[in-house]
Structure formats: structure tokens, C-alpha cells
PDB file of N, CA and C in Angstrom:
ATOM      1  N   MET A   1     -29.975   4.487  29.983  1.00  0.00           N
ATOM      2  CA  MET A   1     -30.352   5.837  29.616  1.00  0.00           C
ATOM      3  C   MET A   1     -30.649   5.870  28.116  1.00  0.00           C
ATOM      4  N   ASP A   2     -31.669   6.571  27.759  1.00  0.00           N
ATOM      5  CA  ASP A   2     -32.088   6.726  26.371  1.00  0.00           C
ATOM      6  C   ASP A   2     -31.054   7.551  25.611  1.00  0.00           C
ATOM      7  N   VAL A   3     -30.672   7.104  24.432  1.00  0.00           N
ATOM      8  CA  VAL A   3     -29.671   7.799  23.622  1.00  0.00           C
ATOM      9  C   VAL A   3     -30.109   9.226  23.304  1.00  0.00           C
ATOM     10  N   ALA A   4     -31.374   9.456  23.124  1.00  0.00           N
ATOM     11  CA  ALA A   4     -31.873  10.789  22.787  1.00  0.00           C
ATOM     12  C   ALA A   4     -31.637  11.787  23.917  1.00  0.00           C
ATOM     13  N   HIS A   5     -31.476  11.311  25.138  1.00  0.00           N
ATOM     14  CA  HIS A   5     -31.289  12.203  26.274  1.00  0.00           C
ATOM     15  C   HIS A   5     -29.835  12.371  26.692  1.00  0.00           C
ATOM     16  N   GLN A   6     -28.935  11.722  26.003  1.00  0.00           N
ATOM     17  CA  GLN A   6     -27.524  11.871  26.315  1.00  0.00           C
ATOM     18  C   GLN A   6     -26.998  13.138  25.658  1.00  0.00           C
ATOM     19  N   THR A   7     -26.144  13.841  26.371  1.00  0.00           N
ATOM     20  CA  THR A   7     -25.509  15.024  25.812  1.00  0.00           C
ATOM     21  C   THR A   7     -24.001  14.857  25.889  1.00  0.00           C
ATOM     22  N   ILE A   8     -23.331  15.462  24.969  1.00  0.00           N
ATOM     23  CA  ILE A   8     -21.876  15.442  24.963  1.00  0.00           C
ATOM     24  C   ILE A   8     -21.405  16.680  25.714  1.00  0.00           C
ATOM     25  N   ALA A   9     -20.588  16.481  26.714  1.00  0.00           N
ATOM     26  CA  ALA A   9     -20.077  17.599  27.502  1.00  0.00           C
ATOM     27  C   ALA A   9     -19.127  18.436  26.647  1.00  0.00           C
ATOM     28  N   ARG A  10     -19.363  19.715  26.628  1.00  0.00           N
ATOM     29  CA  ARG A  10     -18.515  20.650  25.895  1.00  0.00           C
ATOM     30  C   ARG A  10     -17.612  21.343  26.906  1.00  0.00           C
ATOM     31  N   PRO A  11     -16.318  21.383  26.656  1.00  0.00           N
ATOM     32  CA  PRO A  11     -15.426  22.017  27.628  1.00  0.00           C
ATOM     33  C   PRO A  11     -15.675  23.524  27.698  1.00  0.00           C
ATOM     34  N   LEU A  12     -15.454  24.091  28.873  1.00  0.00           N
ATOM     35  CA  LEU A  12     -15.590  25.531  29.048  1.00  0.00           C
ATOM     36  C   LEU A  12     -14.325  26.258  28.610  1.00  0.00           C
ATOM     37  N   ALA A  13     -13.189  25.566  28.727  1.00  0.00           N
ATOM     38  CA  ALA A  13     -11.909  26.169  28.367  1.00  0.00           C
ATOM     39  C   ALA A  13     -10.997  25.086  27.806  1.00  0.00           C
ATOM     40  N   VAL A  14     -10.079  25.514  26.935  1.00  0.00           N
ATOM     41  CA  VAL A  14      -9.143  24.586  26.303  1.00  0.00           C
ATOM     42  C   VAL A  14      -7.742  25.190  26.325  1.00  0.00           C
ATOM     43  N   SER A  15      -6.756  24.339  26.140  1.00  0.00           N
ATOM     44  CA  SER A  15      -5.369  24.796  26.069  1.00  0.00           C
ATOM     45  C   SER A  15      -5.151  25.530  24.740  1.00  0.00           C
ATOM     46  N   PRO A  16      -4.111  26.340  24.648  1.00  0.00           N
ATOM     47  CA  PRO A  16      -3.821  26.996  23.366  1.00  0.00           C
ATOM     48  C   PRO A  16      -3.626  25.997  22.223  1.00  0.00           C
ATOM     49  N   ALA A  17      -2.955  24.890  22.489  1.00  0.00           N
ATOM     50  CA  ALA A  17      -2.751  23.887  21.435  1.00  0.00           C
ATOM     51  C   ALA A  17      -4.084  23.318  20.964  1.00  0.00           C
ATOM     52  N   GLU A  18      -4.981  23.028  21.899  1.00  0.00           N
ATOM     53  CA  GLU A  18      -6.299  22.497  21.542  1.00  0.00           C
ATOM     54  C   GLU A  18      -7.133  23.552  20.821  1.00  0.00           C
ATOM     55  N   ALA A  19      -7.032  24.809  21.262  1.00  0.00           N
ATOM     56  CA  ALA A  19      -7.765  25.895  20.604  1.00  0.00           C
ATOM     57  C   ALA A  19      -7.324  26.040  19.152  1.00  0.00           C
ATOM     58  N   ALA A  20      -6.020  25.992  18.921  1.00  0.00           N
ATOM     59  CA  ALA A  20      -5.489  26.087  17.558  1.00  0.00           C
ATOM     60  C   ALA A  20      -5.988  24.931  16.705  1.00  0.00           C
ATOM     61  N   ARG A  21      -5.973  23.735  17.266  1.00  0.00           N
ATOM     62  CA  ARG A  21      -6.447  22.554  16.547  1.00  0.00           C
ATOM     63  C   ARG A  21      -7.937  22.667  16.226  1.00  0.00           C
ATOM     64  N   LEU A  22      -8.722  23.134  17.180  1.00  0.00           N
ATOM     65  CA  LEU A  22     -10.170  23.255  16.988  1.00  0.00           C
ATOM     66  C   LEU A  22     -10.531  24.183  15.837  1.00  0.00           C
ATOM     67  N   ILE A  23      -9.794  25.287  15.708  1.00  0.00           N
ATOM     68  CA  ILE A  23     -10.161  26.262  14.669  1.00  0.00           C
ATOM     69  C   ILE A  23      -9.301  26.155  13.417  1.00  0.00           C
ATOM     70  N   GLY A  24      -8.330  25.242  13.429  1.00  0.00           N
ATOM     71  CA  GLY A  24      -7.569  24.969  12.223  1.00  0.00           C
ATOM     72  C   GLY A  24      -6.478  25.962  11.897  1.00  0.00           C
ATOM     73  N   ILE A  25      -5.849  26.525  12.939  1.00  0.00           N
ATOM     74  CA  ILE A  25      -4.713  27.419  12.704  1.00  0.00           C
ATOM     75  C   ILE A  25      -3.505  26.876  13.455  1.00  0.00           C
ATOM     76  N   GLY A  26      -2.348  27.438  13.178  1.00  0.00           N
ATOM     77  CA  GLY A  26      -1.138  27.013  13.862  1.00  0.00           C
ATOM     78  C   GLY A  26      -1.042  27.612  15.253  1.00  0.00           C
ATOM     79  N   ARG A  27      -0.288  26.943  16.109  1.00  0.00           N
ATOM     80  CA  ARG A  27      -0.108  27.447  17.476  1.00  0.00           C
ATOM     81  C   ARG A  27       0.577  28.806  17.483  1.00  0.00           C
ATOM     82  N   THR A  28       1.500  29.025  16.549  1.00  0.00           N
ATOM     83  CA  THR A  28       2.204  30.306  16.496  1.00  0.00           C
ATOM     84  C   THR A  28       1.226  31.449  16.282  1.00  0.00           C
ATOM     85  N   LYS A  29       0.299  31.297  15.342  1.00  0.00           N
ATOM     86  CA  LYS A  29      -0.711  32.329  15.082  1.00  0.00           C
ATOM     87  C   LYS A  29      -1.574  32.553  16.313  1.00  0.00           C
ATOM     88  N   LEU A  30      -1.936  31.479  16.977  1.00  0.00           N
ATOM     89  CA  LEU A  30      -2.769  31.602  18.164  1.00  0.00           C
ATOM     90  C   LEU A  30      -2.016  32.352  19.265  1.00  0.00           C
ATOM     91  N   TYR A  31      -0.746  32.011  19.474  1.00  0.00           N
ATOM     92  CA  TYR A  31       0.040  32.705  20.491  1.00  0.00           C
ATOM     93  C   TYR A  31       0.249  34.176  20.127  1.00  0.00           C
ATOM     94  N   GLU A  32       0.315  34.503  18.845  1.00  0.00           N
ATOM     95  CA  GLU A  32       0.393  35.911  18.430  1.00  0.00           C
ATOM     96  C   GLU A  32      -0.862  36.655  18.852  1.00  0.00           C
ATOM     97  N   ALA A  33      -2.024  36.026  18.680  1.00  0.00           N
ATOM     98  CA  ALA A  33      -3.290  36.643  19.087  1.00  0.00           C
ATOM     99  C   ALA A  33      -3.341  36.821  20.603  1.00  0.00           C
ATOM    100  N   LEU A  34      -2.806  35.860  21.337  1.00  0.00           N
ATOM    101  CA  LEU A  34      -2.760  35.976  22.794  1.00  0.00           C
ATOM    102  C   LEU A  34      -1.821  37.114  23.209  1.00  0.00           C
ATOM    103  N   SER A  35      -0.652  37.190  22.573  1.00  0.00           N
ATOM    104  CA  SER A  35       0.338  38.214  22.913  1.00  0.00           C
ATOM    105  C   SER A  35      -0.170  39.620  22.631  1.00  0.00           C
ATOM    106  N   SER A  36      -0.919  39.774  21.535  1.00  0.00           N
ATOM    107  CA  SER A  36      -1.425  41.093  21.156  1.00  0.00           C
ATOM    108  C   SER A  36      -2.638  41.509  21.981  1.00  0.00           C
ATOM    109  N   GLY A  37      -3.229  40.564  22.700  1.00  0.00           N
ATOM    110  CA  GLY A  37      -4.420  40.873  23.486  1.00  0.00           C
ATOM    111  C   GLY A  37      -5.714  40.722  22.708  1.00  0.00           C
ATOM    112  N   ASP A  38      -5.609  40.313  21.439  1.00  0.00           N
ATOM    113  CA  ASP A  38      -6.812  40.103  20.639  1.00  0.00           C
ATOM    114  C   ASP A  38      -7.630  38.927  21.156  1.00  0.00           C
ATOM    115  N   LEU A  39      -6.955  37.929  21.698  1.00  0.00           N
ATOM    116  CA  LEU A  39      -7.597  36.751  22.254  1.00  0.00           C
ATOM    117  C   LEU A  39      -7.173  36.654  23.716  1.00  0.00           C
ATOM    118  N   ARG A  40      -8.147  36.569  24.592  1.00  0.00           N
ATOM    119  CA  ARG A  40      -7.859  36.541  26.021  1.00  0.00           C
ATOM    120  C   ARG A  40      -7.745  35.112  26.538  1.00  0.00           C
ATOM    121  N   SER A  41      -6.898  34.950  27.541  1.00  0.00           N
ATOM    122  CA  SER A  41      -6.722  33.656  28.194  1.00  0.00           C
ATOM    123  C   SER A  41      -6.552  33.902  29.688  1.00  0.00           C
ATOM    124  N   PHE A  42      -6.468  32.822  30.431  1.00  0.00           N
ATOM    125  CA  PHE A  42      -6.228  32.945  31.867  1.00  0.00           C
ATOM    126  C   PHE A  42      -5.352  31.788  32.315  1.00  0.00           C
ATOM    127  N   ARG A  43      -4.769  31.962  33.490  1.00  0.00           N
ATOM    128  CA  ARG A  43      -3.909  30.912  34.046  1.00  0.00           C
ATOM    129  C   ARG A  43      -4.669  30.197  35.157  1.00  0.00           C
ATOM    130  N   PHE A  44      -4.552  28.896  35.145  1.00  0.00           N
ATOM    131  CA  PHE A  44      -5.118  28.059  36.197  1.00  0.00           C
ATOM    132  C   PHE A  44      -3.974  27.188  36.682  1.00  0.00           C
ATOM    133  N   GLY A  45      -3.378  27.608  37.763  1.00  0.00           N
ATOM    134  CA  GLY A  45      -2.141  26.959  38.199  1.00  0.00           C
ATOM    135  C   GLY A  45      -1.060  27.275  37.184  1.00  0.00           C
ATOM    136  N   ARG A  46      -0.458  26.236  36.641  1.00  0.00           N
ATOM    137  CA  ARG A  46       0.583  26.434  35.623  1.00  0.00           C
ATOM    138  C   ARG A  46       0.036  26.436  34.214  1.00  0.00           C
ATOM    139  N   ARG A  47      -1.230  26.076  34.072  1.00  0.00           N
ATOM    140  CA  ARG A  47      -1.814  25.947  32.725  1.00  0.00           C
ATOM    141  C   ARG A  47      -2.389  27.261  32.234  1.00  0.00           C
ATOM    142  N   ARG A  48      -2.204  27.534  30.961  1.00  0.00           N
ATOM    143  CA  ARG A  48      -2.872  28.658  30.299  1.00  0.00           C
ATOM    144  C   ARG A  48      -4.081  28.067  29.587  1.00  0.00           C
ATOM    145  N   LEU A  49      -5.234  28.679  29.809  1.00  0.00           N
ATOM    146  CA  LEU A  49      -6.465  28.194  29.200  1.00  0.00           C
ATOM    147  C   LEU A  49      -7.192  29.331  28.492  1.00  0.00           C
ATOM    148  N   ILE A  50      -7.941  28.968  27.488  1.00  0.00           N
ATOM    149  CA  ILE A  50      -8.749  29.922  26.727  1.00  0.00           C
ATOM    150  C   ILE A  50     -10.194  29.471  26.843  1.00  0.00           C
ATOM    151  N   ARG A  51     -11.048  30.375  27.284  1.00  0.00           N
ATOM    152  CA  ARG A  51     -12.474  30.048  27.349  1.00  0.00           C
ATOM    153  C   ARG A  51     -12.976  29.820  25.925  1.00  0.00           C
ATOM    154  N   VAL A  52     -13.783  28.797  25.740  1.00  0.00           N
ATOM    155  CA  VAL A  52     -14.345  28.499  24.426  1.00  0.00           C
ATOM    156  C   VAL A  52     -15.175  29.688  23.946  1.00  0.00           C
ATOM    157  N   SER A  53     -15.878  30.360  24.850  1.00  0.00           N
ATOM    158  CA  SER A  53     -16.674  31.539  24.474  1.00  0.00           C
ATOM    159  C   SER A  53     -15.781  32.673  23.946  1.00  0.00           C
ATOM    160  N   GLU A  54     -14.583  32.841  24.535  1.00  0.00           N
ATOM    161  CA  GLU A  54     -13.630  33.855  24.044  1.00  0.00           C
ATOM    162  C   GLU A  54     -13.133  33.478  22.650  1.00  0.00           C
ATOM    163  N   LEU A  55     -12.874  32.201  22.453  1.00  0.00           N
ATOM    164  CA  LEU A  55     -12.411  31.712  21.158  1.00  0.00           C
ATOM    165  C   LEU A  55     -13.478  31.956  20.088  1.00  0.00           C
ATOM    166  N   GLU A  56     -14.725  31.665  20.418  1.00  0.00           N
ATOM    167  CA  GLU A  56     -15.823  31.889  19.479  1.00  0.00           C
ATOM    168  C   GLU A  56     -15.983  33.378  19.157  1.00  0.00           C
ATOM    169  N   ALA A  57     -15.889  34.229  20.178  1.00  0.00           N
ATOM    170  CA  ALA A  57     -15.998  35.679  19.958  1.00  0.00           C
ATOM    171  C   ALA A  57     -14.867  36.175  19.069  1.00  0.00           C
ATOM    172  N   TRP A  58     -13.661  35.652  19.282  1.00  0.00           N
ATOM    173  CA  TRP A  58     -12.512  36.069  18.471  1.00  0.00           C
ATOM    174  C   TRP A  58     -12.717  35.671  17.019  1.00  0.00           C
ATOM    175  N   ILE A  59     -13.189  34.461  16.794  1.00  0.00           N
ATOM    176  CA  ILE A  59     -13.452  33.994  15.426  1.00  0.00           C
ATOM    177  C   ILE A  59     -14.548  34.844  14.782  1.00  0.00           C
ATOM    178  N   ASN A  60     -15.612  35.124  15.540  1.00  0.00           N
ATOM    179  CA  ASN A  60     -16.714  35.920  14.998  1.00  0.00           C
ATOM    180  C   ASN A  60     -16.285  37.341  14.654  1.00  0.00           C
ATOM    181  N   SER A  61     -15.260  37.858  15.321  1.00  0.00           N
ATOM    182  CA  SER A  61     -14.802  39.215  15.020  1.00  0.00           C
ATOM    183  C   SER A  61     -14.260  39.331  13.606  1.00  0.00           C
ATOM    184  N   PHE A  62     -13.793  38.230  13.036  1.00  0.00           N
ATOM    185  CA  PHE A  62     -13.302  38.254  11.664  1.00  0.00           C
ATOM    186  C   PHE A  62     -14.453  38.353  10.676  1.00  0.00           C
ATOM    187  N   GLU A  63     -15.582  37.758  11.001  1.00  0.00           N
ATOM    188  CA  GLU A  63     -16.769  37.880  10.147  1.00  0.00           C
ATOM    189  C   GLU A  63     -17.291  39.303  10.160  1.00  0.00           C
ATOM    190  N   ASP A  64     -17.284  39.915  11.350  1.00  0.00           N
ATOM    191  CA  ASP A  64     -17.781  41.294  11.487  1.00  0.00           C
ATOM    192  C   ASP A  64     -16.883  42.285  10.751  1.00  0.00           C
ATOM    193  N   ALA A  65     -15.584  41.982  10.661  1.00  0.00           N
ATOM    194  CA  ALA A  65     -14.619  42.893  10.032  1.00  0.00           C
ATOM    195  C   ALA A  65     -14.710  42.871   8.513  1.00  0.00           C
ATOM    196  N   SER A  66     -15.263  41.800   7.926  1.00  0.00           N
ATOM    197  CA  SER A  66     -15.291  41.721   6.461  1.00  0.00           C
ATOM    198  C   SER A  66     -16.563  42.246   5.863  1.00  0.00           C
TER     199      SER A  66
END
């Protein structure tokens, strides 16, 4: 396969720990956002997951607020 046609799969959802790591904040801050309802998540079996699109929207809300 030609390298130019390869794509890197982007996850649709990530764990809270991975979400915190991706955006460079602590897990405690992320869980505060989840608890307050500012950042939405869902359960898949026993796992809590955050849609990457929700994470991006939450981050963008800080730009809109300033």
C-alpha cells in the first residue's frame, strides 16, 4: 500500500485518563468537569468513555468564553 494513502485511525471515544492526557490536564480536573455535567461521557459495560467530539467541544467552549 502506498504511504500517501495510509490513514491513522482516530478513536471515537477515550477513557477519562486518556482524555486528560490528550489535553494536558489532571484526571481530577477532568472528573470535576464530568461531575458538573460540563463534559459528557457514557458507559459501555463497566467502562466510562468520552467521545472525542465532546472533548473537542468542551475545549472549544473555553475559547468562546474568553
